[in-house]
Amino acid sequence: MADIVKNAEYKRLLQQIKARIQGSQIKAAIKVNAELLSLYWDLARMIVRKQEQSS
């Protein structure tokens, strides 16, 4: 019986670890995407300003 409890506890622990890892991966992806989006907007702004100055 102790083996069943240990196995169930171990499986639960692994599920918790996986969930934390996946949650952190999602948060990291969201932050990376937000940073890239900000970069692209800034680059576009720079290009538009340069085009306006050249006109």
PDB file of N, CA and C in Angstrom:
ATOM      1  N   MET A   1       0.827  -1.205   0.000  1.00  0.00           N
ATOM      2  CA  MET A   1       0.000   0.000   0.000  1.00  0.00           C
ATOM      3  C   MET A   1       0.863   1.257   0.000  1.00  0.00           C
ATOM      4  N   ALA A   2       1.988   1.209   0.686  1.00  0.00           N
ATOM      5  CA  ALA A   2       2.859   2.380   0.749  1.00  0.00           C
ATOM      6  C   ALA A   2       3.399   2.733  -0.629  1.00  0.00           C
ATOM      7  N   ASP A   3       3.661   1.704  -1.457  1.00  0.00           N
ATOM      8  CA  ASP A   3       4.150   1.955  -2.807  1.00  0.00           C
ATOM      9  C   ASP A   3       3.129   2.710  -3.642  1.00  0.00           C
ATOM     10  N   ILE A   4       1.846   2.369  -3.470  1.00  0.00           N
ATOM     11  CA  ILE A   4       0.788   3.046  -4.216  1.00  0.00           C
ATOM     12  C   ILE A   4       0.725   4.511  -3.814  1.00  0.00           C
ATOM     13  N   VAL A   5       0.810   4.771  -2.523  1.00  0.00           N
ATOM     14  CA  VAL A   5       0.780   6.152  -2.037  1.00  0.00           C
ATOM     15  C   VAL A   5       1.985   6.906  -2.573  1.00  0.00           C
ATOM     16  N   LYS A   6       3.143   6.293  -2.497  1.00  0.00           N
ATOM     17  CA  LYS A   6       4.353   6.945  -2.979  1.00  0.00           C
ATOM     18  C   LYS A   6       4.266   7.196  -4.476  1.00  0.00           C
ATOM     19  N   ASN A   7       3.761   6.228  -5.230  1.00  0.00           N
ATOM     20  CA  ASN A   7       3.626   6.412  -6.666  1.00  0.00           C
ATOM     21  C   ASN A   7       2.636   7.518  -6.994  1.00  0.00           C
ATOM     22  N   ALA A   8       1.520   7.552  -6.279  1.00  0.00           N
ATOM     23  CA  ALA A   8       0.514   8.597  -6.501  1.00  0.00           C
ATOM     24  C   ALA A   8       1.098   9.959  -6.128  1.00  0.00           C
ATOM     25  N   GLU A   9       1.814  10.034  -5.033  1.00  0.00           N
ATOM     26  CA  GLU A   9       2.432  11.292  -4.616  1.00  0.00           C
ATOM     27  C   GLU A   9       3.483  11.731  -5.629  1.00  0.00           C
ATOM     28  N   TYR A  10       4.254  10.758  -6.107  1.00  0.00           N
ATOM     29  CA  TYR A  10       5.299  11.056  -7.083  1.00  0.00           C
ATOM     30  C   TYR A  10       4.683  11.576  -8.385  1.00  0.00           C
ATOM     31  N   LYS A  11       3.621  10.939  -8.830  1.00  0.00           N
ATOM     32  CA  LYS A  11       2.931  11.383 -10.047  1.00  0.00           C
ATOM     33  C   LYS A  11       2.370  12.789  -9.867  1.00  0.00           C
ATOM     34  N   ARG A  12       1.798  13.053  -8.706  1.00  0.00           N
ATOM     35  CA  ARG A  12       1.254  14.377  -8.402  1.00  0.00           C
ATOM     36  C   ARG A  12       2.368  15.428  -8.411  1.00  0.00           C
ATOM     37  N   LEU A  13       3.502  15.071  -7.812  1.00  0.00           N
ATOM     38  CA  LEU A  13       4.644  15.982  -7.795  1.00  0.00           C
ATOM     39  C   LEU A  13       5.114  16.276  -9.217  1.00  0.00           C
ATOM     40  N   LEU A  14       5.214  15.240 -10.037  1.00  0.00           N
ATOM     41  CA  LEU A  14       5.632  15.444 -11.429  1.00  0.00           C
ATOM     42  C   LEU A  14       4.644  16.330 -12.186  1.00  0.00           C
ATOM     43  N   GLN A  15       3.365  16.139 -11.937  1.00  0.00           N
ATOM     44  CA  GLN A  15       2.345  16.973 -12.580  1.00  0.00           C
ATOM     45  C   GLN A  15       2.490  18.429 -12.158  1.00  0.00           C
ATOM     46  N   GLN A  16       2.764  18.653 -10.887  1.00  0.00           N
ATOM     47  CA  GLN A  16       2.952  20.018 -10.393  1.00  0.00           C
ATOM     48  C   GLN A  16       4.191  20.658 -11.016  1.00  0.00           C
ATOM     49  N   ILE A  17       5.262  19.887 -11.105  1.00  0.00           N
ATOM     50  CA  ILE A  17       6.498  20.401 -11.705  1.00  0.00           C
ATOM     51  C   ILE A  17       6.266  20.756 -13.167  1.00  0.00           C
ATOM     52  N   LYS A  18       5.610  19.857 -13.896  1.00  0.00           N
ATOM     53  CA  LYS A  18       5.314  20.108 -15.312  1.00  0.00           C
ATOM     54  C   LYS A  18       4.463  21.359 -15.485  1.00  0.00           C
ATOM     55  N   ALA A  19       3.467  21.510 -14.619  1.00  0.00           N
ATOM     56  CA  ALA A  19       2.576  22.670 -14.711  1.00  0.00           C
ATOM     57  C   ALA A  19       3.348  23.964 -14.465  1.00  0.00           C
ATOM     58  N   ARG A  20       4.252  23.951 -13.496  1.00  0.00           N
ATOM     59  CA  ARG A  20       5.054  25.158 -13.213  1.00  0.00           C
ATOM     60  C   ARG A  20       5.966  25.483 -14.375  1.00  0.00           C
ATOM     61  N   ILE A  21       6.579  24.458 -14.953  1.00  0.00           N
ATOM     62  CA  ILE A  21       7.470  24.675 -16.101  1.00  0.00           C
ATOM     63  C   ILE A  21       6.678  25.241 -17.273  1.00  0.00           C
ATOM     64  N   GLN A  22       5.541  24.640 -17.576  1.00  0.00           N
ATOM     65  CA  GLN A  22       4.719  25.114 -18.685  1.00  0.00           C
ATOM     66  C   GLN A  22       4.227  26.540 -18.450  1.00  0.00           C
ATOM     67  N   GLY A  23       3.842  26.830 -17.222  1.00  0.00           N
ATOM     68  CA  GLY A  23       3.397  28.185 -16.894  1.00  0.00           C
ATOM     69  C   GLY A  23       4.514  29.197 -17.102  1.00  0.00           C
ATOM     70  N   SER A  24       5.713  28.852 -16.681  1.00  0.00           N
ATOM     71  CA  SER A  24       6.855  29.748 -16.861  1.00  0.00           C
ATOM     72  C   SER A  24       7.213  29.906 -18.328  1.00  0.00           C
ATOM     73  N   GLN A  25       7.100  28.831 -19.099  1.00  0.00           N
ATOM     74  CA  GLN A  25       7.378  28.916 -20.528  1.00  0.00           C
ATOM     75  C   GLN A  25       6.385  29.839 -21.220  1.00  0.00           C
ATOM     76  N   ILE A  26       5.130  29.751 -20.837  1.00  0.00           N
ATOM     77  CA  ILE A  26       4.108  30.626 -21.424  1.00  0.00           C
ATOM     78  C   ILE A  26       4.377  32.079 -21.061  1.00  0.00           C
ATOM     79  N   LYS A  27       4.693  32.336 -19.795  1.00  0.00           N
ATOM     80  CA  LYS A  27       4.999  33.705 -19.369  1.00  0.00           C
ATOM     81  C   LYS A  27       6.206  34.247 -20.106  1.00  0.00           C
ATOM     82  N   ALA A  28       7.232  33.423 -20.284  1.00  0.00           N
ATOM     83  CA  ALA A  28       8.436  33.855 -20.997  1.00  0.00           C
ATOM     84  C   ALA A  28       8.110  34.172 -22.456  1.00  0.00           C
ATOM     85  N   ALA A  29       7.307  33.336 -23.095  1.00  0.00           N
ATOM     86  CA  ALA A  29       6.935  33.565 -24.490  1.00  0.00           C
ATOM     87  C   ALA A  29       6.146  34.859 -24.635  1.00  0.00           C
ATOM     88  N   ILE A  30       5.253  35.125 -23.703  1.00  0.00           N
ATOM     89  CA  ILE A  30       4.459  36.353 -23.750  1.00  0.00           C
ATOM     90  C   ILE A  30       5.369  37.570 -23.610  1.00  0.00           C
ATOM     91  N   LYS A  31       6.323  37.510 -22.691  1.00  0.00           N
ATOM     92  CA  LYS A  31       7.237  38.636 -22.491  1.00  0.00           C
ATOM     93  C   LYS A  31       8.132  38.849 -23.711  1.00  0.00           C
ATOM     94  N   VAL A  32       8.619  37.758 -24.292  1.00  0.00           N
ATOM     95  CA  VAL A  32       9.454  37.869 -25.490  1.00  0.00           C
ATOM     96  C   VAL A  32       8.648  38.490 -26.623  1.00  0.00           C
ATOM     97  N   ASN A  33       7.426  38.013 -26.825  1.00  0.00           N
ATOM     98  CA  ASN A  33       6.584  38.555 -27.891  1.00  0.00           C
ATOM     99  C   ASN A  33       6.280  40.028 -27.674  1.00  0.00           C
ATOM    100  N   ALA A  34       6.031  40.413 -26.449  1.00  0.00           N
ATOM    101  CA  ALA A  34       5.760  41.824 -26.147  1.00  0.00           C
ATOM    102  C   ALA A  34       6.987  42.679 -26.451  1.00  0.00           C
ATOM    103  N   GLU A  35       8.155  42.196 -26.090  1.00  0.00           N
ATOM    104  CA  GLU A  35       9.393  42.939 -26.349  1.00  0.00           C
ATOM    105  C   GLU A  35       9.649  43.063 -27.852  1.00  0.00           C
ATOM    106  N   LEU A  36       9.442  41.989 -28.587  1.00  0.00           N
ATOM    107  CA  LEU A  36       9.626  42.045 -30.036  1.00  0.00           C
ATOM    108  C   LEU A  36       8.624  42.988 -30.688  1.00  0.00           C
ATOM    109  N   LEU A  37       7.392  42.953 -30.237  1.00  0.00           N
ATOM    110  CA  LEU A  37       6.373  43.852 -30.773  1.00  0.00           C
ATOM    111  C   LEU A  37       6.759  45.303 -30.529  1.00  0.00           C
ATOM    112  N   SER A  38       7.256  45.595 -29.340  1.00  0.00           N
ATOM    113  CA  SER A  38       7.720  46.948 -29.024  1.00  0.00           C
ATOM    114  C   SER A  38       8.875  47.348 -29.939  1.00  0.00           C
ATOM    115  N   LEU A  39       9.799  46.436 -30.157  1.00  0.00           N
ATOM    116  CA  LEU A  39      10.923  46.703 -31.058  1.00  0.00           C
ATOM    117  C   LEU A  39      10.430  47.022 -32.460  1.00  0.00           C
ATOM    118  N   TYR A  40       9.520  46.216 -32.986  1.00  0.00           N
ATOM    119  CA  TYR A  40       9.020  46.422 -34.342  1.00  0.00           C
ATOM    120  C   TYR A  40       8.298  47.769 -34.475  1.00  0.00           C
ATOM    121  N   TRP A  41       7.526  48.152 -33.467  1.00  0.00           N
ATOM    122  CA  TRP A  41       6.857  49.448 -33.495  1.00  0.00           C
ATOM    123  C   TRP A  41       7.885  50.581 -33.496  1.00  0.00           C
ATOM    124  N   ASP A  42       8.916  50.461 -32.679  1.00  0.00           N
ATOM    125  CA  ASP A  42       9.961  51.481 -32.634  1.00  0.00           C
ATOM    126  C   ASP A  42      10.705  51.581 -33.963  1.00  0.00           C
ATOM    127  N   LEU A  43      11.000  50.440 -34.568  1.00  0.00           N
ATOM    128  CA  LEU A  43      11.675  50.452 -35.858  1.00  0.00           C
ATOM    129  C   LEU A  43      10.802  51.107 -36.926  1.00  0.00           C
ATOM    130  N   ALA A  44       9.523  50.768 -36.917  1.00  0.00           N
ATOM    131  CA  ALA A  44       8.596  51.372 -37.882  1.00  0.00           C
ATOM    132  C   ALA A  44       8.514  52.883 -37.676  1.00  0.00           C
ATOM    133  N   ARG A  45       8.472  53.310 -36.432  1.00  0.00           N
ATOM    134  CA  ARG A  45       8.435  54.735 -36.116  1.00  0.00           C
ATOM    135  C   ARG A  45       9.689  55.435 -36.643  1.00  0.00           C
ATOM    136  N   MET A  46      10.846  54.807 -36.450  1.00  0.00           N
ATOM    137  CA  MET A  46      12.105  55.378 -36.943  1.00  0.00           C
ATOM    138  C   MET A  46      12.086  55.513 -38.470  1.00  0.00           C
ATOM    139  N   ILE A  47      11.582  54.497 -39.148  1.00  0.00           N
ATOM    140  CA  ILE A  47      11.530  54.508 -40.609  1.00  0.00           C
ATOM    141  C   ILE A  47      10.596  55.601 -41.099  1.00  0.00           C
ATOM    142  N   VAL A  48       9.426  55.717 -40.472  1.00  0.00           N
ATOM    143  CA  VAL A  48       8.459  56.741 -40.878  1.00  0.00           C
ATOM    144  C   VAL A  48       9.046  58.136 -40.676  1.00  0.00           C
ATOM    145  N   ARG A  49       9.705  58.371 -39.549  1.00  0.00           N
ATOM    146  CA  ARG A  49      10.323  59.686 -39.305  1.00  0.00           C
ATOM    147  C   ARG A  49      11.374  60.001 -40.353  1.00  0.00           C
ATOM    148  N   LYS A  50      12.168  59.014 -40.694  1.00  0.00           N
ATOM    149  CA  LYS A  50      13.219  59.214 -41.690  1.00  0.00           C
ATOM    150  C   LYS A  50      12.591  59.514 -43.044  1.00  0.00           C
ATOM    151  N   GLN A  51      11.513  58.827 -43.389  1.00  0.00           N
ATOM    152  CA  GLN A  51      10.829  59.076 -44.652  1.00  0.00           C
ATOM    153  C   GLN A  51      10.245  60.482 -44.670  1.00  0.00           C
ATOM    154  N   GLU A  52       9.675  60.915 -43.549  1.00  0.00           N
ATOM    155  CA  GLU A  52       9.092  62.256 -43.476  1.00  0.00           C
ATOM    156  C   GLU A  52      10.174  63.323 -43.608  1.00  0.00           C
ATOM    157  N   GLN A  53      11.323  63.099 -43.041  1.00  0.00           N
ATOM    158  CA  GLN A  53      12.428  64.057 -43.139  1.00  0.00           C
ATOM    159  C   GLN A  53      12.973  64.133 -44.549  1.00  0.00           C
ATOM    160  N   SER A  54      12.920  63.033 -45.274  1.00  0.00           N
ATOM    161  CA  SER A  54      13.462  62.987 -46.635  1.00  0.00           C
ATOM    162  C   SER A  54      12.528  63.610 -47.644  1.00  0.00           C
ATOM    163  N   SER A  55      11.274  63.752 -47.312  1.00  0.00           N
ATOM    164  CA  SER A  55      10.286  64.288 -48.260  1.00  0.00           C
ATOM    165  C   SER A  55      10.363  65.781 -48.382  1.00  0.00           C
TER     166      SER A  55
END
